[in-house]
PDB file of N, CA and C in Angstrom:
ATOM      1  N   UNK A   1       0.913  -0.685  -0.113  1.00  0.00           N
ATOM      2  CA  UNK A   1       0.300  -0.053   0.064  1.00  0.00           C
ATOM      3  C   UNK A   1       1.114   1.265   0.342  1.00  0.00           C
ATOM      4  N   UNK A   2       0.499   2.004  -0.688  1.00  0.00           N
ATOM      5  CA  UNK A   2       1.306   3.252  -0.692  1.00  0.00           C
ATOM      6  C   UNK A   2       1.037   4.272   0.337  1.00  0.00           C
ATOM      7  N   UNK A   3       1.953   4.997   1.124  1.00  0.00           N
ATOM      8  CA  UNK A   3       1.675   6.047   1.855  1.00  0.00           C
ATOM      9  C   UNK A   3       1.637   5.524   3.198  1.00  0.00           C
ATOM     10  N   UNK A   4       1.700   4.354   3.549  1.00  0.00           N
ATOM     11  CA  UNK A   4       2.561   4.020   4.948  1.00  0.00           C
ATOM     12  C   UNK A   4       2.840   2.742   4.798  1.00  0.00           C
ATOM     13  N   UNK A   5       3.751   2.988   6.171  1.00  0.00           N
ATOM     14  CA  UNK A   5       4.822   2.333   6.235  1.00  0.00           C
ATOM     15  C   UNK A   5       5.110   0.781   6.278  1.00  0.00           C
ATOM     16  N   UNK A   6       5.514  -0.388   6.443  1.00  0.00           N
ATOM     17  CA  UNK A   6       5.848  -1.643   6.929  1.00  0.00           C
ATOM     18  C   UNK A   6       5.458  -1.805   8.039  1.00  0.00           C
ATOM     19  N   UNK A   7       5.641  -0.762   9.525  1.00  0.00           N
ATOM     20  CA  UNK A   7       6.027  -1.034  10.485  1.00  0.00           C
ATOM     21  C   UNK A   7       4.569  -0.470  10.853  1.00  0.00           C
ATOM     22  N   UNK A   8       3.841   0.449  10.271  1.00  0.00           N
ATOM     23  CA  UNK A   8       2.505   0.887  10.491  1.00  0.00           C
ATOM     24  C   UNK A   8       1.822  -0.149   9.994  1.00  0.00           C
ATOM     25  N   UNK A   9       1.486  -0.451   9.042  1.00  0.00           N
ATOM     26  CA  UNK A   9       0.781  -1.745   8.493  1.00  0.00           C
ATOM     27  C   UNK A   9       0.665  -2.364   9.264  1.00  0.00           C
ATOM     28  N   UNK A  10       1.966  -3.587   9.665  1.00  0.00           N
ATOM     29  CA  UNK A  10       1.328  -4.677  10.258  1.00  0.00           C
ATOM     30  C   UNK A  10       1.894  -4.291  11.547  1.00  0.00           C
ATOM     31  N   UNK A  11       1.614  -3.206  12.185  1.00  0.00           N
ATOM     32  CA  UNK A  11       1.106  -2.989  13.534  1.00  0.00           C
ATOM     33  C   UNK A  11      -0.614  -3.109  13.544  1.00  0.00           C
ATOM     34  N   UNK A  12      -0.959  -2.169  12.234  1.00  0.00           N
ATOM     35  CA  UNK A  12      -2.332  -2.152  12.079  1.00  0.00           C
ATOM     36  C   UNK A  12      -3.184  -3.648  12.365  1.00  0.00           C
ATOM     37  N   UNK A  13      -2.682  -4.069  11.045  1.00  0.00           N
ATOM     38  CA  UNK A  13      -3.463  -5.744  10.587  1.00  0.00           C
ATOM     39  C   UNK A  13      -2.963  -6.396  12.519  1.00  0.00           C
ATOM     40  N   UNK A  14      -2.150  -6.746  13.050  1.00  0.00           N
ATOM     41  CA  UNK A  14      -2.189  -6.976  14.087  1.00  0.00           C
ATOM     42  C   UNK A  14      -2.764  -7.125  15.640  1.00  0.00           C
ATOM     43  N   UNK A  15      -2.961  -5.746  15.381  1.00  0.00           N
ATOM     44  CA  UNK A  15      -4.058  -5.001  16.527  1.00  0.00           C
ATOM     45  C   UNK A  15      -5.779  -5.977  15.753  1.00  0.00           C
ATOM     46  N   UNK A  16      -5.634  -5.459  14.376  1.00  0.00           N
ATOM     47  CA  UNK A  16      -7.055  -5.781  13.998  1.00  0.00           C
ATOM     48  C   UNK A  16      -6.645  -7.553  14.123  1.00  0.00           C
ATOM     49  N   UNK A  17      -5.703  -8.306  14.086  1.00  0.00           N
ATOM     50  CA  UNK A  17      -6.330  -9.351  14.438  1.00  0.00           C
ATOM     51  C   UNK A  17      -6.440 -10.067  15.949  1.00  0.00           C
ATOM     52  N   UNK A  18      -6.110  -8.751  16.732  1.00  0.00           N
ATOM     53  CA  UNK A  18      -5.957  -9.632  18.050  1.00  0.00           C
ATOM     54  C   UNK A  18      -7.317  -9.025  18.221  1.00  0.00           C
ATOM     55  N   UNK A  19      -8.367  -8.163  17.987  1.00  0.00           N
ATOM     56  CA  UNK A  19      -9.266  -8.002  18.068  1.00  0.00           C
ATOM     57  C   UNK A  19     -10.717  -8.452  17.801  1.00  0.00           C
ATOM     58  N   UNK A  20      -9.848  -9.608  16.533  1.00  0.00           N
ATOM     59  CA  UNK A  20     -10.772 -10.728  15.852  1.00  0.00           C
ATOM     60  C   UNK A  20     -11.287  -9.636  14.366  1.00  0.00           C
ATOM     61  N   UNK A  21     -10.841  -8.903  14.178  1.00  0.00           N
ATOM     62  CA  UNK A  21     -11.515  -7.924  13.072  1.00  0.00           C
ATOM     63  C   UNK A  21     -10.854  -9.182  11.529  1.00  0.00           C
ATOM     64  N   UNK A  22      -9.323  -9.336  11.438  1.00  0.00           N
ATOM     65  CA  UNK A  22      -9.243  -9.974  10.333  1.00  0.00           C
ATOM     66  C   UNK A  22      -8.601 -11.718  11.472  1.00  0.00           C
ATOM     67  N   UNK A  23      -8.826 -12.243  10.227  1.00  0.00           N
ATOM     68  CA  UNK A  23      -7.705 -13.596  10.465  1.00  0.00           C
ATOM     69  C   UNK A  23      -6.006 -13.008   8.939  1.00  0.00           C
ATOM     70  N   UNK A  24      -5.492 -14.195   9.703  1.00  0.00           N
ATOM     71  CA  UNK A  24      -4.003 -14.329   9.501  1.00  0.00           C
ATOM     72  C   UNK A  24      -3.801 -15.420   8.744  1.00  0.00           C
ATOM     73  N   UNK A  25      -3.755 -15.631   7.609  1.00  0.00           N
ATOM     74  CA  UNK A  25      -3.016 -17.177   7.170  1.00  0.00           C
ATOM     75  C   UNK A  25      -1.841 -16.591   6.499  1.00  0.00           C
ATOM     76  N   UNK A  26      -1.060 -17.491   7.582  1.00  0.00           N
ATOM     77  CA  UNK A  26       0.749 -17.391   6.860  1.00  0.00           C
ATOM     78  C   UNK A  26       1.289 -19.520   5.918  1.00  0.00           C
ATOM     79  N   UNK A  27       1.511 -18.652   5.091  1.00  0.00           N
ATOM     80  CA  UNK A  27       2.122 -19.885   3.715  1.00  0.00           C
ATOM     81  C   UNK A  27       3.415 -20.269   4.227  1.00  0.00           C
ATOM     82  N   UNK A  28       3.289 -21.440   4.305  1.00  0.00           N
ATOM     83  CA  UNK A  28       4.840 -21.834   4.312  1.00  0.00           C
ATOM     84  C   UNK A  28       5.871 -21.880   3.190  1.00  0.00           C
ATOM     85  N   UNK A  29       6.247 -20.624   2.248  1.00  0.00           N
ATOM     86  CA  UNK A  29       6.456 -20.944   0.914  1.00  0.00           C
ATOM     87  C   UNK A  29       7.593 -19.884   0.651  1.00  0.00           C
ATOM     88  N   UNK A  30       8.288 -19.869  -0.481  1.00  0.00           N
ATOM     89  CA  UNK A  30       9.514 -19.080  -0.957  1.00  0.00           C
ATOM     90  C   UNK A  30       8.917 -18.351  -2.190  1.00  0.00           C
ATOM     91  N   UNK A  31       8.991 -16.828  -2.152  1.00  0.00           N
ATOM     92  CA  UNK A  31       8.570 -15.256  -1.043  1.00  0.00           C
ATOM     93  C   UNK A  31       8.209 -15.727  -0.143  1.00  0.00           C
ATOM     94  N   UNK A  32       7.421 -15.872   0.980  1.00  0.00           N
ATOM     95  CA  UNK A  32       6.738 -16.181   2.629  1.00  0.00           C
ATOM     96  C   UNK A  32       5.647 -15.634   1.953  1.00  0.00           C
ATOM     97  N   UNK A  33       4.158 -15.622   2.048  1.00  0.00           N
ATOM     98  CA  UNK A  33       3.119 -15.175   1.515  1.00  0.00           C
ATOM     99  C   UNK A  33       1.976 -15.073   2.918  1.00  0.00           C
ATOM    100  N   UNK A  34       1.015 -13.957   3.064  1.00  0.00           N
ATOM    101  CA  UNK A  34       0.467 -13.682   4.149  1.00  0.00           C
ATOM    102  C   UNK A  34      -0.770 -13.343   3.386  1.00  0.00           C
ATOM    103  N   UNK A  35      -1.831 -14.170   3.837  1.00  0.00           N
ATOM    104  CA  UNK A  35      -2.894 -13.377   3.425  1.00  0.00           C
ATOM    105  C   UNK A  35      -4.052 -13.021   4.865  1.00  0.00           C
ATOM    106  N   UNK A  36      -5.100 -12.232   4.691  1.00  0.00           N
ATOM    107  CA  UNK A  36      -5.784 -11.456   5.339  1.00  0.00           C
ATOM    108  C   UNK A  36      -7.241 -12.105   5.214  1.00  0.00           C
ATOM    109  N   UNK A  37      -8.031 -11.934   5.875  1.00  0.00           N
ATOM    110  CA  UNK A  37      -9.270 -11.876   5.365  1.00  0.00           C
ATOM    111  C   UNK A  37     -10.451 -11.360   7.130  1.00  0.00           C
ATOM    112  N   UNK A  38     -11.689 -11.139   6.883  1.00  0.00           N
ATOM    113  CA  UNK A  38     -12.431 -10.331   7.440  1.00  0.00           C
ATOM    114  C   UNK A  38     -12.708 -11.712   8.381  1.00  0.00           C
ATOM    115  N   UNK A  39     -13.181 -11.552   9.419  1.00  0.00           N
ATOM    116  CA  UNK A  39     -13.694 -12.402  10.137  1.00  0.00           C
ATOM    117  C   UNK A  39     -15.803 -11.819  10.287  1.00  0.00           C
ATOM    118  N   UNK A  40     -16.269 -12.313  10.738  1.00  0.00           N
ATOM    119  CA  UNK A  40     -17.901 -12.559  11.066  1.00  0.00           C
ATOM    120  C   UNK A  40     -17.674 -10.994  11.131  1.00  0.00           C
ATOM    121  N   UNK A  41     -17.408 -10.428  12.269  1.00  0.00           N
ATOM    122  CA  UNK A  41     -17.440 -10.078  13.500  1.00  0.00           C
ATOM    123  C   UNK A  41     -16.500  -8.941  12.512  1.00  0.00           C
ATOM    124  N   UNK A  42     -15.521  -8.865  11.984  1.00  0.00           N
ATOM    125  CA  UNK A  42     -15.217  -7.876  10.728  1.00  0.00           C
ATOM    126  C   UNK A  42     -15.677  -7.145   9.666  1.00  0.00           C
ATOM    127  N   UNK A  43     -16.536  -7.986   9.186  1.00  0.00           N
ATOM    128  CA  UNK A  43     -17.589  -7.834   8.099  1.00  0.00           C
ATOM    129  C   UNK A  43     -18.782  -7.043   8.044  1.00  0.00           C
ATOM    130  N   UNK A  44     -19.152  -7.230  10.158  1.00  0.00           N
ATOM    131  CA  UNK A  44     -20.229  -6.146  10.572  1.00  0.00           C
ATOM    132  C   UNK A  44     -19.495  -4.252  10.347  1.00  0.00           C
ATOM    133  N   UNK A  45     -18.562  -4.388  10.091  1.00  0.00           N
ATOM    134  CA  UNK A  45     -18.483  -3.363  10.118  1.00  0.00           C
ATOM    135  C   UNK A  45     -18.422  -3.021   8.732  1.00  0.00           C
ATOM    136  N   UNK A  46     -18.370  -3.580   8.054  1.00  0.00           N
ATOM    137  CA  UNK A  46     -18.735  -3.282   6.070  1.00  0.00           C
ATOM    138  C   UNK A  46     -19.458  -1.753   5.819  1.00  0.00           C
ATOM    139  N   UNK A  47     -20.757  -1.980   6.365  1.00  0.00           N
ATOM    140  CA  UNK A  47     -22.252  -1.123   6.588  1.00  0.00           C
ATOM    141  C   UNK A  47     -21.892   0.301   6.739  1.00  0.00           C
ATOM    142  N   UNK A  48     -21.609   0.621   8.441  1.00  0.00           N
ATOM    143  CA  UNK A  48     -20.897   1.695   8.465  1.00  0.00           C
ATOM    144  C   UNK A  48     -19.604   2.183   8.351  1.00  0.00           C
ATOM    145  N   UNK A  49     -18.762   1.202   8.125  1.00  0.00           N
ATOM    146  CA  UNK A  49     -17.747   1.856   7.246  1.00  0.00           C
ATOM    147  C   UNK A  49     -17.561   2.777   6.120  1.00  0.00           C
ATOM    148  N   UNK A  50     -19.069   2.000   5.059  1.00  0.00           N
ATOM    149  CA  UNK A  50     -19.293   2.716   4.061  1.00  0.00           C
ATOM    150  C   UNK A  50     -20.364   3.959   4.374  1.00  0.00           C
ATOM    151  N   UNK A  51     -21.152   3.581   4.998  1.00  0.00           N
ATOM    152  CA  UNK A  51     -21.560   4.987   5.415  1.00  0.00           C
ATOM    153  C   UNK A  51     -20.955   6.209   6.212  1.00  0.00           C
ATOM    154  N   UNK A  52     -20.186   6.231   7.119  1.00  0.00           N
ATOM    155  CA  UNK A  52     -18.380   6.880   7.136  1.00  0.00           C
ATOM    156  C   UNK A  52     -17.936   7.239   6.282  1.00  0.00           C
ATOM    157  N   UNK A  53     -17.459   6.550   5.290  1.00  0.00           N
ATOM    158  CA  UNK A  53     -17.019   7.086   3.766  1.00  0.00           C
ATOM    159  C   UNK A  53     -17.929   7.942   3.340  1.00  0.00           C
ATOM    160  N   UNK A  54     -19.248   8.089   3.052  1.00  0.00           N
ATOM    161  CA  UNK A  54     -20.442   8.758   2.300  1.00  0.00           C
ATOM    162  C   UNK A  54     -20.269   9.625   2.681  1.00  0.00           C
ATOM    163  N   UNK A  55     -20.079   9.967   3.831  1.00  0.00           N
ATOM    164  CA  UNK A  55     -20.893  10.905   4.664  1.00  0.00           C
ATOM    165  C   UNK A  55     -19.114  11.899   4.552  1.00  0.00           C
ATOM    166  N   UNK A  56     -18.207  11.040   4.791  1.00  0.00           N
ATOM    167  CA  UNK A  56     -16.731  11.924   4.878  1.00  0.00           C
ATOM    168  C   UNK A  56     -16.940  12.559   2.530  1.00  0.00           C
ATOM    169  N   UNK A  57     -17.187  11.910   1.939  1.00  0.00           N
ATOM    170  CA  UNK A  57     -17.371  12.591   0.726  1.00  0.00           C
ATOM    171  C   UNK A  57     -18.471  13.848   0.315  1.00  0.00           C
ATOM    172  N   UNK A  58     -19.218  13.520   1.514  1.00  0.00           N
ATOM    173  CA  UNK A  58     -20.536  14.473   0.913  1.00  0.00           C
ATOM    174  C   UNK A  58     -20.061  15.906   1.940  1.00  0.00           C
ATOM    175  N   UNK A  59     -19.136  15.828   2.656  1.00  0.00           N
ATOM    176  CA  UNK A  59     -18.854  17.387   3.587  1.00  0.00           C
ATOM    177  C   UNK A  59     -17.691  17.538   2.950  1.00  0.00           C
TER     178      UNK A  59
END
């Protein structure tokens, strides 16, 4: 992602995983690969965050 350091992104994803918002899957391969996906709890944030985004665009 542009505009964010690797450390900040890693820390944020770690926090989201700790809070149950995302699941992390690490694959034992070269090069290393990690995938993140929303949990059921994380999916409940889609509509509120979309509404917040619409509000921000309209103000």
